[in-house]
Amino acid sequence: MEVINTNVDNVKSQMRKGILEYCILCILNKEDAYASSILAELKVAKMIVVEGTLYPLLIRQKNQGLLEYRWEESPQGPPRKYYRITEKGKNTLAEMDIAWREVVETVELIKNSNRQ
């Protein structure tokens, strides 16, 4: 019988939330995208996010000057809002890249240290 550890699930959820803004900037650094395509890319990466989580993050990043958007006609349905990373967003992403590497290195160092 498998026991689900809700504490582990909570920690995993918190870790994903902590890196979601970073992941959004990474996606938009590759190409402009609309919300549904961002969600789809996150899903492929097994980072399941719902629209109710994504939209507030996109709005916050736009208000911080990290993103901007434009409306584009869609071949299917209403116009789509395409998000694009700004220069400020690219600079922030570069800083986040450094911070991410530092975090990964620190965790690996702790995991692999042989305390006597």
C-alpha atoms as a PDB file:
ATOM      1  CA  MET A   1       0.000   0.000   0.000  1.00  0.00           C
ATOM      2  CA  GLU A   2       1.430   3.363  -1.066  1.00  0.00           C
ATOM      3  CA  VAL A   3       1.072   6.268   1.323  1.00  0.00           C
ATOM      4  CA  ILE A   4       1.012   9.685  -0.305  1.00  0.00           C
ATOM      5  CA  ASN A   5       3.148  12.133   1.581  1.00  0.00           C
ATOM      6  CA  THR A   6       1.189  15.391   1.405  1.00  0.00           C
ATOM      7  CA  ASN A   7       4.177  17.295   2.782  1.00  0.00           C
ATOM      8  CA  VAL A   8       6.297  16.187  -0.195  1.00  0.00           C
ATOM      9  CA  ASP A   9       3.481  17.130  -2.586  1.00  0.00           C
ATOM     10  CA  ASN A  10       3.267  20.556  -0.934  1.00  0.00           C
ATOM     11  CA  VAL A  11       7.030  21.080  -1.205  1.00  0.00           C
ATOM     12  CA  LYS A  12       6.973  20.071  -4.883  1.00  0.00           C
ATOM     13  CA  SER A  13       4.108  22.489  -5.514  1.00  0.00           C
ATOM     14  CA  GLN A  14       5.946  25.322  -3.770  1.00  0.00           C
ATOM     15  CA  MET A  15       9.116  24.619  -5.768  1.00  0.00           C
ATOM     16  CA  ARG A  16       7.177  24.755  -9.043  1.00  0.00           C
ATOM     17  CA  LYS A  17       5.486  28.015  -8.059  1.00  0.00           C
ATOM     18  CA  GLY A  18       8.873  29.467  -7.166  1.00  0.00           C
ATOM     19  CA  ILE A  19      10.309  28.858 -10.622  1.00  0.00           C
ATOM     20  CA  LEU A  20       7.205  29.513 -12.709  1.00  0.00           C
ATOM     21  CA  GLU A  21       7.996  33.183 -13.390  1.00  0.00           C
ATOM     22  CA  TYR A  22      11.487  32.156 -14.472  1.00  0.00           C
ATOM     23  CA  CYS A  23      10.039  29.498 -16.802  1.00  0.00           C
ATOM     24  CA  ILE A  24       7.655  32.016 -18.384  1.00  0.00           C
ATOM     25  CA  LEU A  25      10.537  34.359 -19.192  1.00  0.00           C
ATOM     26  CA  CYS A  26      12.526  31.417 -20.600  1.00  0.00           C
ATOM     27  CA  ILE A  27       9.644  30.499 -22.911  1.00  0.00           C
ATOM     28  CA  LEU A  28       9.121  34.064 -24.094  1.00  0.00           C
ATOM     29  CA  ASN A  29      12.830  34.570 -24.625  1.00  0.00           C
ATOM     30  CA  LYS A  30      12.628  31.968 -27.397  1.00  0.00           C
ATOM     31  CA  GLU A  31       9.597  33.477 -29.155  1.00  0.00           C
ATOM     32  CA  ASP A  32       6.478  35.551 -28.611  1.00  0.00           C
ATOM     33  CA  ALA A  33       3.564  33.444 -27.390  1.00  0.00           C
ATOM     34  CA  TYR A  34      -0.052  33.639 -26.302  1.00  0.00           C
ATOM     35  CA  ALA A  35      -1.232  32.255 -22.953  1.00  0.00           C
ATOM     36  CA  SER A  36      -2.539  28.933 -24.288  1.00  0.00           C
ATOM     37  CA  SER A  37       0.755  28.171 -26.012  1.00  0.00           C
ATOM     38  CA  ILE A  38       2.679  29.052 -22.826  1.00  0.00           C
ATOM     39  CA  LEU A  39       0.434  26.658 -20.897  1.00  0.00           C
ATOM     40  CA  ALA A  40       0.991  23.955 -23.512  1.00  0.00           C
ATOM     41  CA  GLU A  41       4.784  24.307 -23.327  1.00  0.00           C
ATOM     42  CA  LEU A  42       4.688  24.162 -19.531  1.00  0.00           C
ATOM     43  CA  LYS A  43       2.497  21.043 -19.743  1.00  0.00           C
ATOM     44  CA  VAL A  44       4.950  19.322 -22.122  1.00  0.00           C
ATOM     45  CA  ALA A  45       7.649  20.044 -19.537  1.00  0.00           C
ATOM     46  CA  LYS A  46       5.394  18.404 -16.904  1.00  0.00           C
ATOM     47  CA  MET A  47       4.875  21.723 -15.161  1.00  0.00           C
ATOM     48  CA  ILE A  48       1.110  21.652 -14.967  1.00  0.00           C
ATOM     49  CA  VAL A  49      -0.306  25.150 -14.518  1.00  0.00           C
ATOM     50  CA  VAL A  50      -3.874  26.373 -14.831  1.00  0.00           C
ATOM     51  CA  GLU A  51      -4.976  29.601 -16.504  1.00  0.00           C
ATOM     52  CA  GLY A  52      -5.966  31.026 -13.121  1.00  0.00           C
ATOM     53  CA  THR A  53      -2.331  30.808 -12.058  1.00  0.00           C
ATOM     54  CA  LEU A  54      -0.752  31.925 -15.330  1.00  0.00           C
ATOM     55  CA  TYR A  55      -2.723  35.096 -16.050  1.00  0.00           C
ATOM     56  CA  PRO A  56      -1.918  36.878 -12.754  1.00  0.00           C
ATOM     57  CA  LEU A  57       1.787  36.107 -13.306  1.00  0.00           C
ATOM     58  CA  LEU A  58       1.670  37.481 -16.851  1.00  0.00           C
ATOM     59  CA  ILE A  59      -0.069  40.633 -15.602  1.00  0.00           C
ATOM     60  CA  ARG A  60       2.475  41.067 -12.805  1.00  0.00           C
ATOM     61  CA  GLN A  61       5.407  40.588 -15.186  1.00  0.00           C
ATOM     62  CA  LYS A  62       3.835  43.073 -17.627  1.00  0.00           C
ATOM     63  CA  ASN A  63       3.340  45.614 -14.829  1.00  0.00           C
ATOM     64  CA  GLN A  64       6.996  45.153 -13.836  1.00  0.00           C
ATOM     65  CA  GLY A  65       8.024  45.966 -17.394  1.00  0.00           C
ATOM     66  CA  LEU A  66       9.344  42.452 -18.080  1.00  0.00           C
ATOM     67  CA  LEU A  67       6.728  41.696 -20.756  1.00  0.00           C
ATOM     68  CA  GLU A  68       4.577  43.532 -23.230  1.00  0.00           C
ATOM     69  CA  TYR A  69       1.804  42.296 -25.466  1.00  0.00           C
ATOM     70  CA  ARG A  70       0.107  42.860 -28.780  1.00  0.00           C
ATOM     71  CA  TRP A  71      -3.170  41.642 -30.244  1.00  0.00           C
ATOM     72  CA  GLU A  72      -3.096  39.455 -33.352  1.00  0.00           C
ATOM     73  CA  GLU A  73      -5.940  38.135 -35.442  1.00  0.00           C
ATOM     74  CA  SER A  74      -6.398  34.398 -35.093  1.00  0.00           C
ATOM     75  CA  PRO A  75      -7.336  32.051 -37.921  1.00  0.00           C
ATOM     76  CA  GLN A  76      -9.582  30.288 -35.407  1.00  0.00           C
ATOM     77  CA  GLY A  77     -11.702  32.435 -33.122  1.00  0.00           C
ATOM     78  CA  PRO A  78     -11.091  35.817 -31.539  1.00  0.00           C
ATOM     79  CA  PRO A  79      -7.813  37.784 -31.661  1.00  0.00           C
ATOM     80  CA  ARG A  80      -4.998  36.494 -29.448  1.00  0.00           C
ATOM     81  CA  LYS A  81      -2.890  38.444 -27.016  1.00  0.00           C
ATOM     82  CA  TYR A  82       0.761  37.642 -27.770  1.00  0.00           C
ATOM     83  CA  TYR A  83       3.279  38.275 -25.004  1.00  0.00           C
ATOM     84  CA  ARG A  84       6.856  39.272 -25.695  1.00  0.00           C
ATOM     85  CA  ILE A  85       9.823  39.692 -23.390  1.00  0.00           C
ATOM     86  CA  THR A  86      11.205  43.246 -23.110  1.00  0.00           C
ATOM     87  CA  GLU A  87      14.838  44.314 -22.767  1.00  0.00           C
ATOM     88  CA  LYS A  88      14.231  44.690 -19.029  1.00  0.00           C
ATOM     89  CA  GLY A  89      12.789  41.158 -19.061  1.00  0.00           C
ATOM     90  CA  LYS A  90      15.882  39.841 -20.868  1.00  0.00           C
ATOM     91  CA  ASN A  91      18.144  41.501 -18.300  1.00  0.00           C
ATOM     92  CA  THR A  92      16.056  40.058 -15.470  1.00  0.00           C
ATOM     93  CA  LEU A  93      16.182  36.633 -17.132  1.00  0.00           C
ATOM     94  CA  ALA A  94      19.992  36.835 -17.318  1.00  0.00           C
ATOM     95  CA  GLU A  95      20.091  37.571 -13.576  1.00  0.00           C
ATOM     96  CA  MET A  96      17.666  34.701 -12.924  1.00  0.00           C
ATOM     97  CA  ASP A  97      19.886  32.366 -14.989  1.00  0.00           C
ATOM     98  CA  ILE A  98      22.809  33.162 -12.677  1.00  0.00           C
ATOM     99  CA  ALA A  99      20.659  32.744  -9.565  1.00  0.00           C
ATOM    100  CA  TRP A 100      19.292  29.406 -10.869  1.00  0.00           C
ATOM    101  CA  ARG A 101      22.794  28.053 -11.475  1.00  0.00           C
ATOM    102  CA  GLU A 102      23.843  29.164  -7.991  1.00  0.00           C
ATOM    103  CA  VAL A 103      20.844  27.424  -6.407  1.00  0.00           C
ATOM    104  CA  VAL A 104      21.463  24.186  -8.332  1.00  0.00           C
ATOM    105  CA  GLU A 105      25.179  24.238  -7.461  1.00  0.00           C
ATOM    106  CA  THR A 106      24.415  24.886  -3.786  1.00  0.00           C
ATOM    107  CA  VAL A 107      21.883  22.055  -3.569  1.00  0.00           C
ATOM    108  CA  GLU A 108      24.247  19.671  -5.366  1.00  0.00           C
ATOM    109  CA  LEU A 109      27.085  20.662  -3.037  1.00  0.00           C
ATOM    110  CA  ILE A 110      24.918  19.975   0.012  1.00  0.00           C
ATOM    111  CA  LYS A 111      23.596  16.685  -1.409  1.00  0.00           C
ATOM    112  CA  ASN A 112      27.037  15.419  -2.309  1.00  0.00           C
ATOM    113  CA  SER A 113      29.039  16.632   0.686  1.00  0.00           C
ATOM    114  CA  ASN A 114      30.558  13.953   2.904  1.00  0.00           C
ATOM    115  CA  ARG A 115      30.234  15.293   6.415  1.00  0.00           C
ATOM    116  CA  GLN A 116      32.378  13.480   8.875  1.00  0.00           C
END
